[in-house]
Structures are given as structure tokens and as C-alpha cells.
Amino acid sequence: GVASSATSTSAAASISTKEGPGLVLGEEGKPEDSVQQQQKYTVGTVISKDFDGVAYRGEIISYDRDERYYKVRYVEDGDEEELEEAEIVKHLLLPGPAAAAAADAAAAA
């Protein structure tokens, strides 16, 4: 009786160790994904973009996590467009943490 219970215990232990790391990796993977998809610039962040030589002031009104686009509405004409983060960075009007870090990196270089 003792031997059979020991065998079933070790079998159960091996099953749980197989599942264990997989679950842990899955849980670790999710936060990494969500960090990568997080928006760096909040709603209300202001940008300035030139159209035909005229500077238009835009404001981030939303962020699409799936597509990773910022929706920007321009104050002057109410137009809206979707911009990627790299484009937001180029047209940023108010320096955010990323802009400050870039400025620090440029100063150090």
C-alpha cells in the first residue's frame, strides 16, 4: 500500500512541475506584452504639426492599444488623424519624460 501511494504522489508531483513553469511563464509574458503596448503619452498631450507650412496644434484624444495608434484632434480645424508613437515624438510640443530623456541622451553624447 505504501509503495503505490508513493508512486501516485510522485506522478502527481511530476504533472504539477510540468504545468508550473508553463503557468509562470504565461503570467510573466502577459505583463511584458501590456508594457510594450502601453501608451507613453496620455490623452491631452499636445503636439504641433505643420500642414502646408502652417503649424496646427493637436491634442491626443485617445489611444488604440491593439493598433498602437494615437488619435489626435487638431484645434484649428477639428480634423482628426491617427499617429504612431514615433510621429507623436517628432511633433511633441510639451516635453514629456521621453523628450527629457532624449534631450539628456543628446547632451551626454
PDB file of N, CA and C in Angstrom:
ATOM      1  N   GLY A   1       0.823  -1.206   0.000  1.00  0.00           N
ATOM      2  CA  GLY A   1       0.000   0.000   0.000  1.00  0.00           C
ATOM      3  C   GLY A   1       0.848   1.242   0.000  1.00  0.00           C
ATOM      4  N   VAL A   2       1.941   1.209   0.751  1.00  0.00           N
ATOM      5  CA  VAL A   2       2.803   2.378   0.868  1.00  0.00           C
ATOM      6  C   VAL A   2       3.484   2.700  -0.468  1.00  0.00           C
ATOM      7  N   ALA A   3       3.963   1.673  -1.135  1.00  0.00           N
ATOM      8  CA  ALA A   3       4.671   1.859  -2.401  1.00  0.00           C
ATOM      9  C   ALA A   3       3.751   2.474  -3.455  1.00  0.00           C
ATOM     10  N   SER A   4       2.503   1.998  -3.534  1.00  0.00           N
ATOM     11  CA  SER A   4       1.597   2.518  -4.564  1.00  0.00           C
ATOM     12  C   SER A   4       1.234   3.976  -4.291  1.00  0.00           C
ATOM     13  N   SER A   5       1.082   4.337  -3.028  1.00  0.00           N
ATOM     14  CA  SER A   5       0.749   5.741  -2.738  1.00  0.00           C
ATOM     15  C   SER A   5       1.939   6.651  -3.039  1.00  0.00           C
ATOM     16  N   ALA A   6       3.148   6.159  -2.811  1.00  0.00           N
ATOM     17  CA  ALA A   6       4.342   6.941  -3.129  1.00  0.00           C
ATOM     18  C   ALA A   6       4.440   7.169  -4.632  1.00  0.00           C
ATOM     19  N   THR A   7       4.124   6.138  -5.411  1.00  0.00           N
ATOM     20  CA  THR A   7       4.168   6.244  -6.874  1.00  0.00           C
ATOM     21  C   THR A   7       3.166   7.276  -7.359  1.00  0.00           C
ATOM     22  N   SER A   8       1.940   7.236  -6.852  1.00  0.00           N
ATOM     23  CA  SER A   8       0.920   8.177  -7.307  1.00  0.00           C
ATOM     24  C   SER A   8       1.286   9.610  -6.889  1.00  0.00           C
ATOM     25  N   THR A   9       1.922   9.754  -5.733  1.00  0.00           N
ATOM     26  CA  THR A   9       2.342  11.082  -5.289  1.00  0.00           C
ATOM     27  C   THR A   9       3.408  11.650  -6.229  1.00  0.00           C
ATOM     28  N   SER A  10       4.399  10.829  -6.595  1.00  0.00           N
ATOM     29  CA  SER A  10       5.453  11.313  -7.474  1.00  0.00           C
ATOM     30  C   SER A  10       4.903  11.624  -8.862  1.00  0.00           C
ATOM     31  N   ALA A  11       3.928  10.837  -9.319  1.00  0.00           N
ATOM     32  CA  ALA A  11       3.302  11.108 -10.617  1.00  0.00           C
ATOM     33  C   ALA A  11       2.588  12.459 -10.564  1.00  0.00           C
ATOM     34  N   ALA A  12       1.889  12.717  -9.487  1.00  0.00           N
ATOM     35  CA  ALA A  12       1.181  13.988  -9.337  1.00  0.00           C
ATOM     36  C   ALA A  12       2.182  15.140  -9.276  1.00  0.00           C
ATOM     37  N   ALA A  13       3.292  14.909  -8.584  1.00  0.00           N
ATOM     38  CA  ALA A  13       4.317  15.947  -8.462  1.00  0.00           C
ATOM     39  C   ALA A  13       4.907  16.282  -9.828  1.00  0.00           C
ATOM     40  N   SER A  14       5.163  15.228 -10.638  1.00  0.00           N
ATOM     41  CA  SER A  14       5.752  15.482 -11.956  1.00  0.00           C
ATOM     42  C   SER A  14       4.764  16.232 -12.856  1.00  0.00           C
ATOM     43  N   ILE A  15       3.487  15.939 -12.712  1.00  0.00           N
ATOM     44  CA  ILE A  15       2.477  16.655 -13.503  1.00  0.00           C
ATOM     45  C   ILE A  15       2.472  18.135 -13.103  1.00  0.00           C
ATOM     46  N   SER A  16       2.476  18.399 -11.802  1.00  0.00           N
ATOM     47  CA  SER A  16       2.393  19.789 -11.361  1.00  0.00           C
ATOM     48  C   SER A  16       3.655  20.574 -11.744  1.00  0.00           C
ATOM     49  N   THR A  17       4.818  19.928 -11.767  1.00  0.00           N
ATOM     50  CA  THR A  17       6.022  20.651 -12.181  1.00  0.00           C
ATOM     51  C   THR A  17       5.985  20.953 -13.675  1.00  0.00           C
ATOM     52  N   LYS A  18       5.387  20.041 -14.460  1.00  0.00           N
ATOM     53  CA  LYS A  18       5.248  20.328 -15.891  1.00  0.00           C
ATOM     54  C   LYS A  18       4.353  21.546 -16.108  1.00  0.00           C
ATOM     55  N   GLU A  19       3.233  21.593 -15.379  1.00  0.00           N
ATOM     56  CA  GLU A  19       2.301  22.710 -15.533  1.00  0.00           C
ATOM     57  C   GLU A  19       2.866  23.993 -14.924  1.00  0.00           C
ATOM     58  N   GLY A  20       3.588  23.847 -13.812  1.00  0.00           N
ATOM     59  CA  GLY A  20       4.064  25.009 -13.055  1.00  0.00           C
ATOM     60  C   GLY A  20       4.821  26.032 -13.888  1.00  0.00           C
ATOM     61  N   PRO A  21       5.961  25.646 -14.489  1.00  0.00           N
ATOM     62  CA  PRO A  21       6.733  26.629 -15.256  1.00  0.00           C
ATOM     63  C   PRO A  21       5.938  27.254 -16.397  1.00  0.00           C
ATOM     64  N   GLY A  22       5.101  26.471 -17.056  1.00  0.00           N
ATOM     65  CA  GLY A  22       4.290  26.991 -18.149  1.00  0.00           C
ATOM     66  C   GLY A  22       3.374  28.100 -17.670  1.00  0.00           C
ATOM     67  N   LEU A  23       2.751  27.880 -16.537  1.00  0.00           N
ATOM     68  CA  LEU A  23       1.854  28.893 -15.985  1.00  0.00           C
ATOM     69  C   LEU A  23       2.630  30.138 -15.591  1.00  0.00           C
ATOM     70  N   VAL A  24       3.773  29.934 -14.968  1.00  0.00           N
ATOM     71  CA  VAL A  24       4.586  31.074 -14.534  1.00  0.00           C
ATOM     72  C   VAL A  24       5.031  31.908 -15.731  1.00  0.00           C
ATOM     73  N   LEU A  25       5.512  31.218 -16.781  1.00  0.00           N
ATOM     74  CA  LEU A  25       5.942  31.927 -17.987  1.00  0.00           C
ATOM     75  C   LEU A  25       4.785  32.688 -18.609  1.00  0.00           C
ATOM     76  N   GLY A  26       3.602  32.060 -18.630  1.00  0.00           N
ATOM     77  CA  GLY A  26       2.420  32.717 -19.180  1.00  0.00           C
ATOM     78  C   GLY A  26       2.104  33.990 -18.419  1.00  0.00           C
ATOM     79  N   GLU A  27       2.164  33.911 -17.093  1.00  0.00           N
ATOM     80  CA  GLU A  27       1.865  35.084 -16.276  1.00  0.00           C
ATOM     81  C   GLU A  27       2.918  36.165 -16.468  1.00  0.00           C
ATOM     82  N   GLU A  28       4.177  35.743 -16.612  1.00  0.00           N
ATOM     83  CA  GLU A  28       5.229  36.739 -16.829  1.00  0.00           C
ATOM     84  C   GLU A  28       5.096  37.370 -18.216  1.00  0.00           C
ATOM     85  N   GLY A  29       4.672  36.583 -19.184  1.00  0.00           N
ATOM     86  CA  GLY A  29       4.545  37.075 -20.557  1.00  0.00           C
ATOM     87  C   GLY A  29       3.495  38.158 -20.687  1.00  0.00           C
ATOM     88  N   LYS A  30       2.390  38.025 -19.953  1.00  0.00           N
ATOM     89  CA  LYS A  30       1.300  38.995 -20.086  1.00  0.00           C
ATOM     90  C   LYS A  30       1.720  40.408 -19.689  1.00  0.00           C
ATOM     91  N   PRO A  31       2.319  40.607 -18.515  1.00  0.00           N
ATOM     92  CA  PRO A  31       2.737  41.973 -18.172  1.00  0.00           C
ATOM     93  C   PRO A  31       3.715  42.574 -19.189  1.00  0.00           C
ATOM     94  N   GLU A  32       4.641  41.744 -19.710  1.00  0.00           N
ATOM     95  CA  GLU A  32       5.578  42.258 -20.700  1.00  0.00           C
ATOM     96  C   GLU A  32       4.830  42.765 -21.927  1.00  0.00           C
ATOM     97  N   ASP A  33       3.872  41.977 -22.386  1.00  0.00           N
ATOM     98  CA  ASP A  33       3.076  42.393 -23.540  1.00  0.00           C
ATOM     99  C   ASP A  33       2.355  43.703 -23.255  1.00  0.00           C
ATOM    100  N   SER A  34       1.741  43.803 -22.089  1.00  0.00           N
ATOM    101  CA  SER A  34       0.965  45.002 -21.788  1.00  0.00           C
ATOM    102  C   SER A  34       1.892  46.212 -21.616  1.00  0.00           C
ATOM    103  N   VAL A  35       3.100  45.984 -21.133  1.00  0.00           N
ATOM    104  CA  VAL A  35       4.059  47.088 -21.013  1.00  0.00           C
ATOM    105  C   VAL A  35       4.429  47.611 -22.399  1.00  0.00           C
ATOM    106  N   GLN A  36       4.653  46.675 -23.323  1.00  0.00           N
ATOM    107  CA  GLN A  36       5.012  47.074 -24.681  1.00  0.00           C
ATOM    108  C   GLN A  36       3.877  47.851 -25.348  1.00  0.00           C
ATOM    109  N   GLN A  37       2.647  47.517 -24.999  1.00  0.00           N
ATOM    110  CA  GLN A  37       1.506  48.159 -25.640  1.00  0.00           C
ATOM    111  C   GLN A  37       1.049  49.415 -24.901  1.00  0.00           C
ATOM    112  N   GLN A  38       1.657  49.691 -23.769  1.00  0.00           N
ATOM    113  CA  GLN A  38       1.214  50.852 -23.007  1.00  0.00           C
ATOM    114  C   GLN A  38       1.477  52.127 -23.771  1.00  0.00           C
ATOM    115  N   GLN A  39       0.577  53.080 -23.596  1.00  0.00           N
ATOM    116  CA  GLN A  39       0.782  54.365 -24.240  1.00  0.00           C
ATOM    117  C   GLN A  39       1.772  55.174 -23.415  1.00  0.00           C
ATOM    118  N   LYS A  40       2.700  55.824 -24.091  1.00  0.00           N
ATOM    119  CA  LYS A  40       3.673  56.657 -23.400  1.00  0.00           C
ATOM    120  C   LYS A  40       3.117  58.058 -23.185  1.00  0.00           C
ATOM    121  N   TYR A  41       2.218  58.464 -24.062  1.00  0.00           N
ATOM    122  CA  TYR A  41       1.680  59.827 -23.986  1.00  0.00           C
ATOM    123  C   TYR A  41       0.204  59.762 -23.634  1.00  0.00           C
ATOM    124  N   THR A  42      -0.186  60.548 -22.660  1.00  0.00           N
ATOM    125  CA  THR A  42      -1.547  60.493 -22.152  1.00  0.00           C
ATOM    126  C   THR A  42      -2.487  61.328 -23.011  1.00  0.00           C
ATOM    127  N   VAL A  43      -3.779  61.046 -22.875  1.00  0.00           N
ATOM    128  CA  VAL A  43      -4.804  61.870 -23.503  1.00  0.00           C
ATOM    129  C   VAL A  43      -4.621  63.295 -22.991  1.00  0.00           C
ATOM    130  N   GLY A  44      -4.664  64.250 -23.907  1.00  0.00           N
ATOM    131  CA  GLY A  44      -4.446  65.644 -23.528  1.00  0.00           C
ATOM    132  C   GLY A  44      -3.052  66.136 -23.878  1.00  0.00           C
ATOM    133  N   THR A  45      -2.133  65.207 -24.228  1.00  0.00           N
ATOM    134  CA  THR A  45      -0.791  65.610 -24.651  1.00  0.00           C
ATOM    135  C   THR A  45      -0.911  66.430 -25.935  1.00  0.00           C
ATOM    136  N   VAL A  46      -0.162  67.527 -25.990  1.00  0.00           N
ATOM    137  CA  VAL A  46      -0.278  68.465 -27.115  1.00  0.00           C
ATOM    138  C   VAL A  46       0.890  68.281 -28.078  1.00  0.00           C
ATOM    139  N   ILE A  47       0.561  68.272 -29.380  1.00  0.00           N
ATOM    140  CA  ILE A  47       1.588  68.231 -30.412  1.00  0.00           C
ATOM    141  C   ILE A  47       1.384  69.424 -31.352  1.00  0.00           C
ATOM    142  N   SER A  48       2.381  69.677 -32.182  1.00  0.00           N
ATOM    143  CA  SER A  48       2.260  70.713 -33.206  1.00  0.00           C
ATOM    144  C   SER A  48       2.776  70.125 -34.505  1.00  0.00           C
ATOM    145  N   LYS A  49       1.951  70.193 -35.553  1.00  0.00           N
ATOM    146  CA  LYS A  49       2.326  69.586 -36.822  1.00  0.00           C
ATOM    147  C   LYS A  49       2.074  70.583 -37.950  1.00  0.00           C
ATOM    148  N   ASP A  50       3.047  70.665 -38.847  1.00  0.00           N
ATOM    149  CA  ASP A  50       2.901  71.582 -39.983  1.00  0.00           C
ATOM    150  C   ASP A  50       2.129  70.937 -41.124  1.00  0.00           C
ATOM    151  N   PHE A  51       1.154  71.665 -41.639  1.00  0.00           N
ATOM    152  CA  PHE A  51       0.452  71.279 -42.861  1.00  0.00           C
ATOM    153  C   PHE A  51       0.586  72.453 -43.824  1.00  0.00           C
ATOM    154  N   ASP A  52       1.249  72.216 -44.942  1.00  0.00           N
ATOM    155  CA  ASP A  52       1.481  73.278 -45.931  1.00  0.00           C
ATOM    156  C   ASP A  52       2.089  74.518 -45.292  1.00  0.00           C
ATOM    157  N   GLY A  53       3.055  74.304 -44.398  1.00  0.00           N
ATOM    158  CA  GLY A  53       3.758  75.424 -43.781  1.00  0.00           C
ATOM    159  C   GLY A  53       3.020  76.101 -42.636  1.00  0.00           C
ATOM    160  N   VAL A  54       1.848  75.602 -42.305  1.00  0.00           N
ATOM    161  CA  VAL A  54       1.074  76.172 -41.199  1.00  0.00           C
ATOM    162  C   VAL A  54       1.100  75.195 -40.030  1.00  0.00           C
ATOM    163  N   ALA A  55       1.476  75.690 -38.853  1.00  0.00           N
ATOM    164  CA  ALA A  55       1.536  74.839 -37.669  1.00  0.00           C
ATOM    165  C   ALA A  55       0.143  74.668 -37.083  1.00  0.00           C
ATOM    166  N   TYR A  56      -0.264  73.424 -36.927  1.00  0.00           N
ATOM    167  CA  TYR A  56      -1.547  73.117 -36.304  1.00  0.00           C
ATOM    168  C   TYR A  56      -1.294  72.477 -34.949  1.00  0.00           C
ATOM    169  N   ARG A  57      -2.065  72.918 -33.966  1.00  0.00           N
ATOM    170  CA  ARG A  57      -1.929  72.396 -32.618  1.00  0.00           C
ATOM    171  C   ARG A  57      -2.888  71.223 -32.464  1.00  0.00           C
ATOM    172  N   GLY A  58      -2.334  70.054 -32.142  1.00  0.00           N
ATOM    173  CA  GLY A  58      -3.156  68.861 -31.975  1.00  0.00           C
ATOM    174  C   GLY A  58      -3.104  68.351 -30.549  1.00  0.00           C
ATOM    175  N   GLU A  59      -4.143  67.627 -30.185  1.00  0.00           N
ATOM    176  CA  GLU A  59      -4.211  67.068 -28.835  1.00  0.00           C
ATOM    177  C   GLU A  59      -4.587  65.596 -28.943  1.00  0.00           C
ATOM    178  N   ILE A  60      -3.884  64.750 -28.195  1.00  0.00           N
ATOM    179  CA  ILE A  60      -4.223  63.331 -28.176  1.00  0.00           C
ATOM    180  C   ILE A  60      -5.578  63.172 -27.497  1.00  0.00           C
ATOM    181  N   ILE A  61      -6.511  62.532 -28.217  1.00  0.00           N
ATOM    182  CA  ILE A  61      -7.848  62.333 -27.648  1.00  0.00           C
ATOM    183  C   ILE A  61      -8.115  60.875 -27.284  1.00  0.00           C
ATOM    184  N   SER A  62      -7.306  59.943 -27.836  1.00  0.00           N
ATOM    185  CA  SER A  62      -7.463  58.532 -27.466  1.00  0.00           C
ATOM    186  C   SER A  62      -6.260  57.734 -27.937  1.00  0.00           C
ATOM    187  N   TYR A  63      -6.204  56.490 -27.438  1.00  0.00           N
ATOM    188  CA  TYR A  63      -5.123  55.583 -27.825  1.00  0.00           C
ATOM    189  C   TYR A  63      -5.725  54.218 -28.096  1.00  0.00           C
ATOM    190  N   ASP A  64      -5.374  53.626 -29.240  1.00  0.00           N
ATOM    191  CA  ASP A  64      -5.844  52.288 -29.596  1.00  0.00           C
ATOM    192  C   ASP A  64      -4.747  51.290 -29.248  1.00  0.00           C
ATOM    193  N   ARG A  65      -4.957  50.513 -28.167  1.00  0.00           N
ATOM    194  CA  ARG A  65      -3.941  49.569 -27.696  1.00  0.00           C
ATOM    195  C   ARG A  65      -3.647  48.482 -28.724  1.00  0.00           C
ATOM    196  N   ASP A  66      -4.679  48.019 -29.417  1.00  0.00           N
ATOM    197  CA  ASP A  66      -4.486  46.927 -30.380  1.00  0.00           C
ATOM    198  C   ASP A  66      -3.664  47.395 -31.578  1.00  0.00           C
ATOM    199  N   GLU A  67      -4.013  48.558 -32.102  1.00  0.00           N
ATOM    200  CA  GLU A  67      -3.330  49.076 -33.288  1.00  0.00           C
ATOM    201  C   GLU A  67      -2.113  49.928 -32.921  1.00  0.00           C
ATOM    202  N   ARG A  68      -2.032  50.315 -31.652  1.00  0.00           N
ATOM    203  CA  ARG A  68      -0.954  51.182 -31.149  1.00  0.00           C
ATOM    204  C   ARG A  68      -0.906  52.517 -31.882  1.00  0.00           C
ATOM    205  N   TYR A  69      -2.077  53.086 -32.068  1.00  0.00           N
ATOM    206  CA  TYR A  69      -2.188  54.412 -32.677  1.00  0.00           C
ATOM    207  C   TYR A  69      -2.750  55.398 -31.672  1.00  0.00           C
ATOM    208  N   TYR A  70      -2.260  56.628 -31.759  1.00  0.00           N
ATOM    209  CA  TYR A  70      -2.838  57.729 -31.005  1.00  0.00           C
ATOM    210  C   TYR A  70      -3.782  58.475 -31.939  1.00  0.00           C
ATOM    211  N   LYS A  71      -4.971  58.790 -31.467  1.00  0.00           N
ATOM    212  CA  LYS A  71      -5.873  59.623 -32.261  1.00  0.00           C
ATOM    213  C   LYS A  71      -5.673  61.065 -31.807  1.00  0.00           C
ATOM    214  N   VAL A  72      -5.397  61.926 -32.769  1.00  0.00           N
ATOM    215  CA  VAL A  72      -5.113  63.330 -32.478  1.00  0.00           C
ATOM    216  C   VAL A  72      -6.171  64.197 -33.156  1.00  0.00           C
ATOM    217  N   ARG A  73      -6.687  65.180 -32.417  1.00  0.00           N
ATOM    218  CA  ARG A  73      -7.616  66.156 -32.986  1.00  0.00           C
ATOM    219  C   ARG A  73      -6.914  67.512 -33.001  1.00  0.00           C
ATOM    220  N   TYR A  74      -6.988  68.159 -34.153  1.00  0.00           N
ATOM    221  CA  TYR A  74      -6.342  69.469 -34.302  1.00  0.00           C
ATOM    222  C   TYR A  74      -7.307  70.574 -33.919  1.00  0.00           C
ATOM    223  N   VAL A  75      -6.795  71.512 -33.094  1.00  0.00           N
ATOM    224  CA  VAL A  75      -7.615  72.575 -32.517  1.00  0.00           C
ATOM    225  C   VAL A  75      -8.143  73.511 -33.607  1.00  0.00           C
ATOM    226  N   GLU A  76      -7.271  73.863 -34.560  1.00  0.00           N
ATOM    227  CA  GLU A  76      -7.624  74.882 -35.553  1.00  0.00           C
ATOM    228  C   GLU A  76      -8.815  74.504 -36.429  1.00  0.00           C
ATOM    229  N   ASP A  77      -8.849  73.242 -36.886  1.00  0.00           N
ATOM    230  CA  ASP A  77      -9.907  72.870 -37.830  1.00  0.00           C
ATOM    231  C   ASP A  77     -10.736  71.661 -37.390  1.00  0.00           C
ATOM    232  N   GLY A  78     -10.411  71.074 -36.239  1.00  0.00           N
ATOM    233  CA  GLY A  78     -11.192  69.936 -35.742  1.00  0.00           C
ATOM    234  C   GLY A  78     -10.886  68.615 -36.449  1.00  0.00           C
ATOM    235  N   ASP A  79      -9.942  68.642 -37.395  1.00  0.00           N
ATOM    236  CA  ASP A  79      -9.548  67.414 -38.085  1.00  0.00           C
ATOM    237  C   ASP A  79      -8.947  66.417 -37.108  1.00  0.00           C
ATOM    238  N   GLU A  80      -9.098  65.132 -37.419  1.00  0.00           N
ATOM    239  CA  GLU A  80      -8.510  64.085 -36.595  1.00  0.00           C
ATOM    240  C   GLU A  80      -7.645  63.205 -37.465  1.00  0.00           C
ATOM    241  N   GLU A  81      -6.583  62.677 -36.885  1.00  0.00           N
ATOM    242  CA  GLU A  81      -5.770  61.685 -37.587  1.00  0.00           C
ATOM    243  C   GLU A  81      -5.163  60.738 -36.577  1.00  0.00           C
ATOM    244  N   GLU A  82      -4.747  59.565 -37.074  1.00  0.00           N
ATOM    245  CA  GLU A  82      -4.115  58.569 -36.216  1.00  0.00           C
ATOM    246  C   GLU A  82      -2.619  58.603 -36.465  1.00  0.00           C
ATOM    247  N   LEU A  83      -1.860  58.697 -35.385  1.00  0.00           N
ATOM    248  CA  LEU A  83      -0.405  58.780 -35.480  1.00  0.00           C
ATOM    249  C   LEU A  83       0.225  57.675 -34.644  1.00  0.00           C
ATOM    250  N   GLU A  84       1.354  57.159 -35.137  1.00  0.00           N
ATOM    251  CA  GLU A  84       2.129  56.214 -34.352  1.00  0.00           C
ATOM    252  C   GLU A  84       2.950  56.994 -33.338  1.00  0.00           C
ATOM    253  N   GLU A  85       3.459  56.258 -32.342  1.00  0.00           N
ATOM    254  CA  GLU A  85       4.235  56.898 -31.281  1.00  0.00           C
ATOM    255  C   GLU A  85       5.419  57.695 -31.830  1.00  0.00           C
ATOM    256  N   ALA A  86       6.099  57.135 -32.833  1.00  0.00           N
ATOM    257  CA  ALA A  86       7.271  57.816 -33.411  1.00  0.00           C
ATOM    258  C   ALA A  86       6.887  59.182 -33.986  1.00  0.00           C
ATOM    259  N   GLU A  87       5.673  59.263 -34.540  1.00  0.00           N
ATOM    260  CA  GLU A  87       5.220  60.536 -35.093  1.00  0.00           C
ATOM    261  C   GLU A  87       4.858  61.519 -33.986  1.00  0.00           C
ATOM    262  N   ILE A  88       4.267  61.001 -32.914  1.00  0.00           N
ATOM    263  CA  ILE A  88       3.966  61.855 -31.753  1.00  0.00           C
ATOM    264  C   ILE A  88       5.260  62.461 -31.229  1.00  0.00           C
ATOM    265  N   VAL A  89       6.293  61.627 -31.105  1.00  0.00           N
ATOM    266  CA  VAL A  89       7.589  62.087 -30.592  1.00  0.00           C
ATOM    267  C   VAL A  89       8.116  63.253 -31.442  1.00  0.00           C
ATOM    268  N   LYS A  90       8.023  63.123 -32.761  1.00  0.00           N
ATOM    269  CA  LYS A  90       8.545  64.154 -33.669  1.00  0.00           C
ATOM    270  C   LYS A  90       7.826  65.485 -33.506  1.00  0.00           C
ATOM    271  N   HIS A  91       6.529  65.425 -33.176  1.00  0.00           N
ATOM    272  CA  HIS A  91       5.717  66.647 -33.158  1.00  0.00           C
ATOM    273  C   HIS A  91       5.358  67.107 -31.751  1.00  0.00           C
ATOM    274  N   LEU A  92       5.962  66.482 -30.745  1.00  0.00           N
ATOM    275  CA  LEU A  92       5.633  66.798 -29.356  1.00  0.00           C
ATOM    276  C   LEU A  92       5.886  68.269 -29.073  1.00  0.00           C
ATOM    277  N   LEU A  93       4.916  68.917 -28.476  1.00  0.00           N
ATOM    278  CA  LEU A  93       5.043  70.337 -28.163  1.00  0.00           C
ATOM    279  C   LEU A  93       5.501  70.526 -26.720  1.00  0.00           C
ATOM    280  N   LEU A  94       4.847  69.815 -25.811  1.00  0.00           N
ATOM    281  CA  LEU A  94       5.221  69.902 -24.398  1.00  0.00           C
ATOM    282  C   LEU A  94       6.153  68.742 -24.087  1.00  0.00           C
ATOM    283  N   PRO A  95       7.335  69.011 -23.558  1.00  0.00           N
ATOM    284  CA  PRO A  95       8.282  67.914 -23.299  1.00  0.00           C
ATOM    285  C   PRO A  95       7.746  66.960 -22.243  1.00  0.00           C
ATOM    286  N   GLY A  96       7.726  65.678 -22.616  1.00  0.00           N
ATOM    287  CA  GLY A  96       7.325  64.644 -21.668  1.00  0.00           C
ATOM    288  C   GLY A  96       8.567  63.922 -21.188  1.00  0.00           C
ATOM    289  N   PRO A  97       8.403  62.843 -20.412  1.00  0.00           N
ATOM    290  CA  PRO A  97       9.554  62.090 -19.902  1.00  0.00           C
ATOM    291  C   PRO A  97      10.470  61.600 -21.030  1.00  0.00           C
ATOM    292  N   ALA A  98       9.884  61.118 -22.126  1.00  0.00           N
ATOM    293  CA  ALA A  98      10.686  60.592 -23.231  1.00  0.00           C
ATOM    294  C   ALA A  98      11.510  61.712 -23.873  1.00  0.00           C
ATOM    295  N   ALA A  99      10.889  62.887 -24.028  1.00  0.00           N
ATOM    296  CA  ALA A  99      11.586  64.026 -24.634  1.00  0.00           C
ATOM    297  C   ALA A  99      12.756  64.469 -23.741  1.00  0.00           C
ATOM    298  N   ALA A 100      12.512  64.492 -22.440  1.00  0.00           N
ATOM    299  CA  ALA A 100      13.559  64.876 -21.488  1.00  0.00           C
ATOM    300  C   ALA A 100      14.706  63.868 -21.542  1.00  0.00           C
ATOM    301  N   ALA A 101      14.364  62.578 -21.602  1.00  0.00           N
ATOM    302  CA  ALA A 101      15.376  61.531 -21.665  1.00  0.00           C
ATOM    303  C   ALA A 101      16.179  61.655 -22.966  1.00  0.00           C
ATOM    304  N   ALA A 102      15.501  61.950 -24.067  1.00  0.00           N
ATOM    305  CA  ALA A 102      16.177  62.117 -25.347  1.00  0.00           C
ATOM    306  C   ALA A 102      17.117  63.323 -25.305  1.00  0.00           C
ATOM    307  N   ALA A 103      16.652  64.393 -24.662  1.00  0.00           N
ATOM    308  CA  ALA A 103      17.471  65.592 -24.529  1.00  0.00           C
ATOM    309  C   ALA A 103      18.708  65.302 -23.673  1.00  0.00           C
ATOM    310  N   ASP A 104      18.523  64.555 -22.599  1.00  0.00           N
ATOM    311  CA  ASP A 104      19.642  64.173 -21.746  1.00  0.00           C
ATOM    312  C   ASP A 104      20.638  63.323 -22.521  1.00  0.00           C
ATOM    313  N   ALA A 105      20.120  62.370 -23.305  1.00  0.00           N
ATOM    314  CA  ALA A 105      20.994  61.489 -24.102  1.00  0.00           C
ATOM    315  C   ALA A 105      21.765  62.300 -25.131  1.00  0.00           C
ATOM    316  N   ALA A 106      21.104  63.272 -25.752  1.00  0.00           N
ATOM    317  CA  ALA A 106      21.748  64.117 -26.757  1.00  0.00           C
ATOM    318  C   ALA A 106      22.843  64.980 -26.100  1.00  0.00           C
ATOM    319  N   ALA A 107      22.535  65.485 -24.919  1.00  0.00           N
ATOM    320  CA  ALA A 107      23.506  66.323 -24.195  1.00  0.00           C
ATOM    321  C   ALA A 107      24.734  65.506 -23.782  1.00  0.00           C
ATOM    322  N   ALA A 108      24.490  64.244 -23.412  1.00  0.00           N
ATOM    323  CA  ALA A 108      25.581  63.382 -22.962  1.00  0.00           C
ATOM    324  C   ALA A 108      26.442  62.914 -24.140  1.00  0.00           C
ATOM    325  N   ALA A 109      25.852  62.824 -25.316  1.00  0.00           N
ATOM    326  CA  ALA A 109      26.563  62.285 -26.492  1.00  0.00           C
ATOM    327  C   ALA A 109      27.628  63.259 -26.996  1.00  0.00           C
TER     328      ALA A 109
END
